[in-house]
Amino acid sequence: MSVFGLLTYLGIAAVAGYIGSHLAGYSTSGCFTNVVLGLIGAIIGTIISRYVNIRDPLYIAGIPLIWSIVGATLFVMLLGYFRRGSKKRR
C-alpha cells in the first residue's frame, strides 16, 4: 500500500468517525479520535452488513462508507452509554 492509499483510508475513516459521532450526539476531541472511531465503525458496520445481508452501495477506496458511519454511530452511542453510567452521582 502506498502512502497516498494509507492517507486515503485514514481520511475516509476520519470523515466516517466525525459524521458518526455527531449523529450520536457526541463531540469528539480531535481528528485522531475520529479516525479511530471511523476504523472501529468500519469493522462494526461490516459485521452488521454481513449479518443482515445488505451491501453498501457506496465504497470509497475499499471502505463501505455508509456502514462505517452506521457502525461508528452505534459504537459512539455504546461508549456514551457506558461513560454516562460510570459517573458517580453526588
PDB file of N, CA and C in Angstrom:
ATOM      1  N   MET A   1       0.843  -1.166   0.000  1.00  0.00           N
ATOM      2  CA  MET A   1       0.000   0.000   0.000  1.00  0.00           C
ATOM      3  C   MET A   1       0.894   1.237   0.000  1.00  0.00           C
ATOM      4  N   SER A   2       0.508   2.181  -0.803  1.00  0.00           N
ATOM      5  CA  SER A   2       1.284   3.413  -0.901  1.00  0.00           C
ATOM      6  C   SER A   2       0.901   4.375   0.223  1.00  0.00           C
ATOM      7  N   VAL A   3       1.692   5.400   0.366  1.00  0.00           N
ATOM      8  CA  VAL A   3       1.419   6.425   1.368  1.00  0.00           C
ATOM      9  C   VAL A   3       0.101   7.129   1.040  1.00  0.00           C
ATOM     10  N   PHE A   4      -0.134   7.379  -0.230  1.00  0.00           N
ATOM     11  CA  PHE A   4      -1.379   8.030  -0.639  1.00  0.00           C
ATOM     12  C   PHE A   4      -2.586   7.148  -0.311  1.00  0.00           C
ATOM     13  N   GLY A   5      -2.471   5.837  -0.502  1.00  0.00           N
ATOM     14  CA  GLY A   5      -3.555   4.919  -0.168  1.00  0.00           C
ATOM     15  C   GLY A   5      -3.848   4.908   1.324  1.00  0.00           C
ATOM     16  N   LEU A   6      -2.787   4.922   2.128  1.00  0.00           N
ATOM     17  CA  LEU A   6      -2.962   4.951   3.578  1.00  0.00           C
ATOM     18  C   LEU A   6      -3.630   6.247   4.024  1.00  0.00           C
ATOM     19  N   LEU A   7      -3.200   7.359   3.457  1.00  0.00           N
ATOM     20  CA  LEU A   7      -3.817   8.642   3.797  1.00  0.00           C
ATOM     21  C   LEU A   7      -5.277   8.697   3.361  1.00  0.00           C
ATOM     22  N   THR A   8      -5.595   8.041   2.253  1.00  0.00           N
ATOM     23  CA  THR A   8      -6.991   7.977   1.804  1.00  0.00           C
ATOM     24  C   THR A   8      -7.830   7.195   2.802  1.00  0.00           C
ATOM     25  N   TYR A   9      -7.338   6.036   3.246  1.00  0.00           N
ATOM     26  CA  TYR A   9      -8.051   5.245   4.250  1.00  0.00           C
ATOM     27  C   TYR A   9      -8.274   6.041   5.529  1.00  0.00           C
ATOM     28  N   LEU A  10      -7.232   6.715   5.994  1.00  0.00           N
ATOM     29  CA  LEU A  10      -7.343   7.486   7.235  1.00  0.00           C
ATOM     30  C   LEU A  10      -8.286   8.665   7.072  1.00  0.00           C
ATOM     31  N   GLY A  11      -8.286   9.301   5.915  1.00  0.00           N
ATOM     32  CA  GLY A  11      -9.204  10.416   5.664  1.00  0.00           C
ATOM     33  C   GLY A  11     -10.655   9.966   5.641  1.00  0.00           C
ATOM     34  N   ILE A  12     -10.917   8.841   4.992  1.00  0.00           N
ATOM     35  CA  ILE A  12     -12.284   8.322   4.944  1.00  0.00           C
ATOM     36  C   ILE A  12     -12.725   7.883   6.331  1.00  0.00           C
ATOM     37  N   ALA A  13     -11.821   7.266   7.089  1.00  0.00           N
ATOM     38  CA  ALA A  13     -12.151   6.860   8.454  1.00  0.00           C
ATOM     39  C   ALA A  13     -12.444   8.085   9.324  1.00  0.00           C
ATOM     40  N   ALA A  14     -11.694   9.165   9.123  1.00  0.00           N
ATOM     41  CA  ALA A  14     -11.935  10.384   9.896  1.00  0.00           C
ATOM     42  C   ALA A  14     -13.300  10.979   9.582  1.00  0.00           C
ATOM     43  N   VAL A  15     -13.671  10.980   8.306  1.00  0.00           N
ATOM     44  CA  VAL A  15     -14.982  11.507   7.919  1.00  0.00           C
ATOM     45  C   VAL A  15     -16.102  10.639   8.500  1.00  0.00           C
ATOM     46  N   ALA A  16     -15.949   9.317   8.400  1.00  0.00           N
ATOM     47  CA  ALA A  16     -16.966   8.415   8.947  1.00  0.00           C
ATOM     48  C   ALA A  16     -17.079   8.571  10.459  1.00  0.00           C
ATOM     49  N   GLY A  17     -15.953   8.702  11.148  1.00  0.00           N
ATOM     50  CA  GLY A  17     -15.973   8.902  12.600  1.00  0.00           C
ATOM     51  C   GLY A  17     -16.590  10.231  12.995  1.00  0.00           C
ATOM     52  N   TYR A  18     -16.284  11.274  12.231  1.00  0.00           N
ATOM     53  CA  TYR A  18     -16.841  12.597  12.505  1.00  0.00           C
ATOM     54  C   TYR A  18     -18.360  12.600  12.348  1.00  0.00           C
ATOM     55  N   ILE A  19     -18.827  12.061  11.234  1.00  0.00           N
ATOM     56  CA  ILE A  19     -20.273  12.023  10.985  1.00  0.00           C
ATOM     57  C   ILE A  19     -20.961  11.133  12.014  1.00  0.00           C
ATOM     58  N   GLY A  20     -20.370   9.977  12.291  1.00  0.00           N
ATOM     59  CA  GLY A  20     -20.961   9.058  13.271  1.00  0.00           C
ATOM     60  C   GLY A  20     -21.034   9.651  14.664  1.00  0.00           C
ATOM     61  N   SER A  21     -19.992  10.346  15.082  1.00  0.00           N
ATOM     62  CA  SER A  21     -20.001  10.932  16.423  1.00  0.00           C
ATOM     63  C   SER A  21     -21.016  12.056  16.532  1.00  0.00           C
ATOM     64  N   HIS A  22     -21.198  12.826  15.471  1.00  0.00           N
ATOM     65  CA  HIS A  22     -22.181  13.898  15.520  1.00  0.00           C
ATOM     66  C   HIS A  22     -23.613  13.368  15.413  1.00  0.00           C
ATOM     67  N   LEU A  23     -23.798  12.286  14.686  1.00  0.00           N
ATOM     68  CA  LEU A  23     -25.127  11.674  14.650  1.00  0.00           C
ATOM     69  C   LEU A  23     -25.514  11.098  16.009  1.00  0.00           C
ATOM     70  N   ALA A  24     -24.531  10.610  16.741  1.00  0.00           N
ATOM     71  CA  ALA A  24     -24.790  10.039  18.062  1.00  0.00           C
ATOM     72  C   ALA A  24     -24.895  11.124  19.134  1.00  0.00           C
ATOM     73  N   GLY A  25     -24.580  12.371  18.781  1.00  0.00           N
ATOM     74  CA  GLY A  25     -24.678  13.462  19.742  1.00  0.00           C
ATOM     75  C   GLY A  25     -23.480  13.559  20.653  1.00  0.00           C
ATOM     76  N   TYR A  26     -22.331  13.128  20.173  1.00  0.00           N
ATOM     77  CA  TYR A  26     -21.116  13.137  20.977  1.00  0.00           C
ATOM     78  C   TYR A  26     -20.042  13.857  20.193  1.00  0.00           C
ATOM     79  N   SER A  27     -19.499  14.908  20.754  1.00  0.00           N
ATOM     80  CA  SER A  27     -18.463  15.665  20.063  1.00  0.00           C
ATOM     81  C   SER A  27     -17.098  15.158  20.515  1.00  0.00           C
ATOM     82  N   THR A  28     -16.333  14.628  19.586  1.00  0.00           N
ATOM     83  CA  THR A  28     -15.021  14.103  19.936  1.00  0.00           C
ATOM     84  C   THR A  28     -14.011  15.228  20.049  1.00  0.00           C
ATOM     85  N   SER A  29     -12.862  14.896  20.585  1.00  0.00           N
ATOM     86  CA  SER A  29     -11.887  15.935  20.876  1.00  0.00           C
ATOM     87  C   SER A  29     -10.884  16.188  19.760  1.00  0.00           C
ATOM     88  N   GLY A  30     -10.856  15.359  18.735  1.00  0.00           N
ATOM     89  CA  GLY A  30      -9.877  15.629  17.703  1.00  0.00           C
ATOM     90  C   GLY A  30      -9.949  14.681  16.529  1.00  0.00           C
ATOM     91  N   CYS A  31      -9.054  14.918  15.599  1.00  0.00           N
ATOM     92  CA  CYS A  31      -9.026  14.155  14.362  1.00  0.00           C
ATOM     93  C   CYS A  31      -8.617  12.705  14.608  1.00  0.00           C
ATOM     94  N   PHE A  32      -7.648  12.482  15.492  1.00  0.00           N
ATOM     95  CA  PHE A  32      -7.207  11.116  15.779  1.00  0.00           C
ATOM     96  C   PHE A  32      -8.352  10.280  16.335  1.00  0.00           C
ATOM     97  N   THR A  33      -9.157  10.863  17.219  1.00  0.00           N
ATOM     98  CA  THR A  33     -10.307  10.157  17.774  1.00  0.00           C
ATOM     99  C   THR A  33     -11.305   9.811  16.681  1.00  0.00           C
ATOM    100  N   ASN A  34     -11.525  10.730  15.758  1.00  0.00           N
ATOM    101  CA  ASN A  34     -12.437  10.460  14.648  1.00  0.00           C
ATOM    102  C   ASN A  34     -11.923   9.337  13.753  1.00  0.00           C
ATOM    103  N   VAL A  35     -10.620   9.278  13.538  1.00  0.00           N
ATOM    104  CA  VAL A  35     -10.041   8.207  12.726  1.00  0.00           C
ATOM    105  C   VAL A  35     -10.254   6.864  13.407  1.00  0.00           C
ATOM    106  N   VAL A  36      -9.996   6.812  14.705  1.00  0.00           N
ATOM    107  CA  VAL A  36     -10.177   5.561  15.447  1.00  0.00           C
ATOM    108  C   VAL A  36     -11.646   5.146  15.434  1.00  0.00           C
ATOM    109  N   LEU A  37     -12.543   6.100  15.656  1.00  0.00           N
ATOM    110  CA  LEU A  37     -13.975   5.785  15.617  1.00  0.00           C
ATOM    111  C   LEU A  37     -14.400   5.310  14.238  1.00  0.00           C
ATOM    112  N   GLY A  38     -13.860   5.918  13.196  1.00  0.00           N
ATOM    113  CA  GLY A  38     -14.183   5.509  11.836  1.00  0.00           C
ATOM    114  C   GLY A  38     -13.682   4.116  11.515  1.00  0.00           C
ATOM    115  N   LEU A  39     -12.466   3.780  11.957  1.00  0.00           N
ATOM    116  CA  LEU A  39     -11.930   2.448  11.709  1.00  0.00           C
ATOM    117  C   LEU A  39     -12.713   1.380  12.468  1.00  0.00           C
ATOM    118  N   ILE A  40     -13.007   1.643  13.735  1.00  0.00           N
ATOM    119  CA  ILE A  40     -13.813   0.703  14.515  1.00  0.00           C
ATOM    120  C   ILE A  40     -15.221   0.622  13.934  1.00  0.00           C
ATOM    121  N   GLY A  41     -15.758   1.761  13.507  1.00  0.00           N
ATOM    122  CA  GLY A  41     -17.078   1.778  12.882  1.00  0.00           C
ATOM    123  C   GLY A  41     -17.118   0.983  11.595  1.00  0.00           C
ATOM    124  N   ALA A  42     -16.033   1.016  10.831  1.00  0.00           N
ATOM    125  CA  ALA A  42     -15.973   0.227   9.596  1.00  0.00           C
ATOM    126  C   ALA A  42     -16.019  -1.259   9.899  1.00  0.00           C
ATOM    127  N   ILE A  43     -15.332  -1.670  10.951  1.00  0.00           N
ATOM    128  CA  ILE A  43     -15.349  -3.080  11.335  1.00  0.00           C
ATOM    129  C   ILE A  43     -16.734  -3.487  11.820  1.00  0.00           C
ATOM    130  N   ILE A  44     -17.314  -2.687  12.705  1.00  0.00           N
ATOM    131  CA  ILE A  44     -18.644  -2.993  13.234  1.00  0.00           C
ATOM    132  C   ILE A  44     -19.688  -2.955  12.119  1.00  0.00           C
ATOM    133  N   GLY A  45     -19.611  -1.941  11.267  1.00  0.00           N
ATOM    134  CA  GLY A  45     -20.563  -1.821  10.172  1.00  0.00           C
ATOM    135  C   GLY A  45     -20.482  -2.971   9.190  1.00  0.00           C
ATOM    136  N   THR A  46     -19.265  -3.437   8.913  1.00  0.00           N
ATOM    137  CA  THR A  46     -19.099  -4.575   8.011  1.00  0.00           C
ATOM    138  C   THR A  46     -19.694  -5.840   8.610  1.00  0.00           C
ATOM    139  N   ILE A  47     -19.496  -6.039   9.898  1.00  0.00           N
ATOM    140  CA  ILE A  47     -20.080  -7.207  10.572  1.00  0.00           C
ATOM    141  C   ILE A  47     -21.599  -7.147  10.527  1.00  0.00           C
ATOM    142  N   ILE A  48     -22.157  -5.973  10.799  1.00  0.00           N
ATOM    143  CA  ILE A  48     -23.614  -5.823  10.772  1.00  0.00           C
ATOM    144  C   ILE A  48     -24.152  -6.036   9.360  1.00  0.00           C
ATOM    145  N   SER A  49     -23.475  -5.484   8.362  1.00  0.00           N
ATOM    146  CA  SER A  49     -23.965  -5.628   6.983  1.00  0.00           C
ATOM    147  C   SER A  49     -23.932  -7.087   6.533  1.00  0.00           C
ATOM    148  N   ARG A  50     -22.943  -7.843   6.961  1.00  0.00           N
ATOM    149  CA  ARG A  50     -22.906  -9.265   6.626  1.00  0.00           C
ATOM    150  C   ARG A  50     -23.999 -10.028   7.357  1.00  0.00           C
ATOM    151  N   TYR A  51     -24.276  -9.635   8.597  1.00  0.00           N
ATOM    152  CA  TYR A  51     -25.303 -10.320   9.384  1.00  0.00           C
ATOM    153  C   TYR A  51     -26.694 -10.102   8.800  1.00  0.00           C
ATOM    154  N   VAL A  52     -27.001  -8.866   8.381  1.00  0.00           N
ATOM    155  CA  VAL A  52     -28.328  -8.569   7.827  1.00  0.00           C
ATOM    156  C   VAL A  52     -28.372  -8.750   6.317  1.00  0.00           C
ATOM    157  N   ASN A  53     -27.221  -9.061   5.718  1.00  0.00           N
ATOM    158  CA  ASN A  53     -27.111  -9.360   4.293  1.00  0.00           C
ATOM    159  C   ASN A  53     -27.542  -8.183   3.402  1.00  0.00           C
ATOM    160  N   ILE A  54     -27.077  -6.988   3.777  1.00  0.00           N
ATOM    161  CA  ILE A  54     -27.325  -5.794   2.975  1.00  0.00           C
ATOM    162  C   ILE A  54     -25.971  -5.208   2.589  1.00  0.00           C
ATOM    163  N   ARG A  55     -25.754  -5.023   1.305  1.00  0.00           N
ATOM    164  CA  ARG A  55     -24.494  -4.475   0.816  1.00  0.00           C
ATOM    165  C   ARG A  55     -24.529  -2.951   0.835  1.00  0.00           C
ATOM    166  N   ASP A  56     -23.373  -2.371   0.988  1.00  0.00           N
ATOM    167  CA  ASP A  56     -23.249  -0.922   0.961  1.00  0.00           C
ATOM    168  C   ASP A  56     -23.096  -0.467  -0.489  1.00  0.00           C
ATOM    169  N   PRO A  57     -23.944   0.461  -0.942  1.00  0.00           N
ATOM    170  CA  PRO A  57     -23.833   0.911  -2.330  1.00  0.00           C
ATOM    171  C   PRO A  57     -22.673   1.877  -2.564  1.00  0.00           C
ATOM    172  N   LEU A  58     -22.073   2.389  -1.497  1.00  0.00           N
ATOM    173  CA  LEU A  58     -21.046   3.416  -1.640  1.00  0.00           C
ATOM    174  C   LEU A  58     -19.734   2.945  -1.011  1.00  0.00           C
ATOM    175  N   TYR A  59     -18.836   2.442  -1.848  1.00  0.00           N
ATOM    176  CA  TYR A  59     -17.491   2.056  -1.416  1.00  0.00           C
ATOM    177  C   TYR A  59     -16.511   3.102  -1.909  1.00  0.00           C
ATOM    178  N   ILE A  60     -15.693   3.594  -1.012  1.00  0.00           N
ATOM    179  CA  ILE A  60     -14.636   4.532  -1.390  1.00  0.00           C
ATOM    180  C   ILE A  60     -13.320   3.937  -0.908  1.00  0.00           C
ATOM    181  N   ALA A  61     -12.443   3.666  -1.846  1.00  0.00           N
ATOM    182  CA  ALA A  61     -11.126   3.071  -1.563  1.00  0.00           C
ATOM    183  C   ALA A  61     -11.258   1.764  -0.792  1.00  0.00           C
ATOM    184  N   GLY A  62     -12.290   1.000  -1.086  1.00  0.00           N
ATOM    185  CA  GLY A  62     -12.477  -0.294  -0.453  1.00  0.00           C
ATOM    186  C   GLY A  62     -13.151  -0.246   0.903  1.00  0.00           C
ATOM    187  N   ILE A  63     -13.562   0.933   1.357  1.00  0.00           N
ATOM    188  CA  ILE A  63     -14.218   1.070   2.662  1.00  0.00           C
ATOM    189  C   ILE A  63     -15.701   1.323   2.430  1.00  0.00           C
ATOM    190  N   PRO A  64     -16.569   0.518   3.056  1.00  0.00           N
ATOM    191  CA  PRO A  64     -18.010   0.757   2.923  1.00  0.00           C
ATOM    192  C   PRO A  64     -18.411   1.987   3.743  1.00  0.00           C
ATOM    193  N   LEU A  65     -18.637   3.099   3.074  1.00  0.00           N
ATOM    194  CA  LEU A  65     -18.809   4.378   3.764  1.00  0.00           C
ATOM    195  C   LEU A  65     -20.067   4.428   4.619  1.00  0.00           C
ATOM    196  N   ILE A  66     -21.202   4.018   4.080  1.00  0.00           N
ATOM    197  CA  ILE A  66     -22.456   4.124   4.834  1.00  0.00           C
ATOM    198  C   ILE A  66     -22.432   3.215   6.057  1.00  0.00           C
ATOM    199  N   TRP A  67     -21.970   1.976   5.886  1.00  0.00           N
ATOM    200  CA  TRP A  67     -21.905   1.059   7.024  1.00  0.00           C
ATOM    201  C   TRP A  67     -20.839   1.483   8.023  1.00  0.00           C
ATOM    202  N   SER A  68     -19.810   2.177   7.584  1.00  0.00           N
ATOM    203  CA  SER A  68     -18.813   2.717   8.509  1.00  0.00           C
ATOM    204  C   SER A  68     -19.433   3.800   9.389  1.00  0.00           C
ATOM    205  N   ILE A  69     -20.261   4.635   8.785  1.00  0.00           N
ATOM    206  CA  ILE A  69     -20.940   5.684   9.549  1.00  0.00           C
ATOM    207  C   ILE A  69     -21.924   5.062  10.531  1.00  0.00           C
ATOM    208  N   VAL A  70     -22.684   4.061  10.084  1.00  0.00           N
ATOM    209  CA  VAL A  70     -23.624   3.373  10.979  1.00  0.00           C
ATOM    210  C   VAL A  70     -22.876   2.714  12.126  1.00  0.00           C
ATOM    211  N   GLY A  71     -21.785   2.021  11.819  1.00  0.00           N
ATOM    212  CA  GLY A  71     -21.001   1.362  12.859  1.00  0.00           C
ATOM    213  C   GLY A  71     -20.386   2.346  13.832  1.00  0.00           C
ATOM    214  N   ALA A  72     -19.861   3.460  13.321  1.00  0.00           N
ATOM    215  CA  ALA A  72     -19.278   4.482  14.199  1.00  0.00           C
ATOM    216  C   ALA A  72     -20.341   5.104  15.089  1.00  0.00           C
ATOM    217  N   THR A  73     -21.525   5.342  14.536  1.00  0.00           N
ATOM    218  CA  THR A  73     -22.615   5.899  15.338  1.00  0.00           C
ATOM    219  C   THR A  73     -23.010   4.950  16.456  1.00  0.00           C
ATOM    220  N   LEU A  74     -23.171   3.680  16.143  1.00  0.00           N
ATOM    221  CA  LEU A  74     -23.520   2.697  17.172  1.00  0.00           C
ATOM    222  C   LEU A  74     -22.423   2.563  18.221  1.00  0.00           C
ATOM    223  N   PHE A  75     -21.171   2.578  17.778  1.00  0.00           N
ATOM    224  CA  PHE A  75     -20.057   2.470  18.717  1.00  0.00           C
ATOM    225  C   PHE A  75     -19.994   3.673  19.646  1.00  0.00           C
ATOM    226  N   VAL A  76     -20.204   4.867  19.117  1.00  0.00           N
ATOM    227  CA  VAL A  76     -20.175   6.072  19.948  1.00  0.00           C
ATOM    228  C   VAL A  76     -21.352   6.079  20.916  1.00  0.00           C
ATOM    229  N   MET A  77     -22.512   5.624  20.460  1.00  0.00           N
ATOM    230  CA  MET A  77     -23.666   5.542  21.356  1.00  0.00           C
ATOM    231  C   MET A  77     -23.395   4.566  22.493  1.00  0.00           C
ATOM    232  N   LEU A  78     -22.761   3.445  22.179  1.00  0.00           N
ATOM    233  CA  LEU A  78     -22.423   2.462  23.200  1.00  0.00           C
ATOM    234  C   LEU A  78     -21.396   3.031  24.179  1.00  0.00           C
ATOM    235  N   LEU A  79     -20.394   3.726  23.671  1.00  0.00           N
ATOM    236  CA  LEU A  79     -19.410   4.362  24.555  1.00  0.00           C
ATOM    237  C   LEU A  79     -20.059   5.411  25.448  1.00  0.00           C
ATOM    238  N   GLY A  80     -20.957   6.201  24.868  1.00  0.00           N
ATOM    239  CA  GLY A  80     -21.658   7.218  25.651  1.00  0.00           C
ATOM    240  C   GLY A  80     -22.523   6.617  26.738  1.00  0.00           C
ATOM    241  N   TYR A  81     -23.128   5.480  26.451  1.00  0.00           N
ATOM    242  CA  TYR A  81     -23.957   4.804  27.453  1.00  0.00           C
ATOM    243  C   TYR A  81     -23.102   4.347  28.625  1.00  0.00           C
ATOM    244  N   PHE A  82     -21.971   3.724  28.349  1.00  0.00           N
ATOM    245  CA  PHE A  82     -21.118   3.246  29.429  1.00  0.00           C
ATOM    246  C   PHE A  82     -20.407   4.397  30.140  1.00  0.00           C
ATOM    247  N   ARG A  83     -20.113   5.434  29.419  1.00  0.00           N
ATOM    248  CA  ARG A  83     -19.442   6.569  30.027  1.00  0.00           C
ATOM    249  C   ARG A  83     -20.389   7.300  30.986  1.00  0.00           C
ATOM    250  N   ARG A  84     -21.632   7.479  30.601  1.00  0.00           N
ATOM    251  CA  ARG A  84     -22.604   8.119  31.489  1.00  0.00           C
ATOM    252  C   ARG A  84     -22.915   7.242  32.689  1.00  0.00           C
ATOM    253  N   GLY A  85     -22.943   5.937  32.481  1.00  0.00           N
ATOM    254  CA  GLY A  85     -23.265   5.017  33.569  1.00  0.00           C
ATOM    255  C   GLY A  85     -22.163   4.894  34.599  1.00  0.00           C
ATOM    256  N   SER A  86     -20.932   5.253  34.221  1.00  0.00           N
ATOM    257  CA  SER A  86     -19.819   5.101  35.154  1.00  0.00           C
ATOM    258  C   SER A  86     -19.610   6.318  36.052  1.00  0.00           C
ATOM    259  N   LYS A  87     -20.316   7.413  35.778  1.00  0.00           N
ATOM    260  CA  LYS A  87     -20.158   8.607  36.601  1.00  0.00           C
ATOM    261  C   LYS A  87     -20.894   8.410  37.926  1.00  0.00           C
ATOM    262  N   LYS A  88     -20.257   8.860  38.990  1.00  0.00           N
ATOM    263  CA  LYS A  88     -20.882   8.764  40.306  1.00  0.00           C
ATOM    264  C   LYS A  88     -21.698  10.016  40.551  1.00  0.00           C
ATOM    265  N   ARG A  89     -22.875   9.819  41.097  1.00  0.00           N
ATOM    266  CA  ARG A  89     -23.735  10.956  41.429  1.00  0.00           C
ATOM    267  C   ARG A  89     -23.474  11.363  42.870  1.00  0.00           C
ATOM    268  N   ARG A  90     -23.514  12.658  43.110  1.00  0.00           N
ATOM    269  CA  ARG A  90     -23.294  13.161  44.474  1.00  0.00           C
ATOM    270  C   ARG A  90     -24.587  13.571  45.095  1.00  0.00           C
TER     271      ARG A  90
END
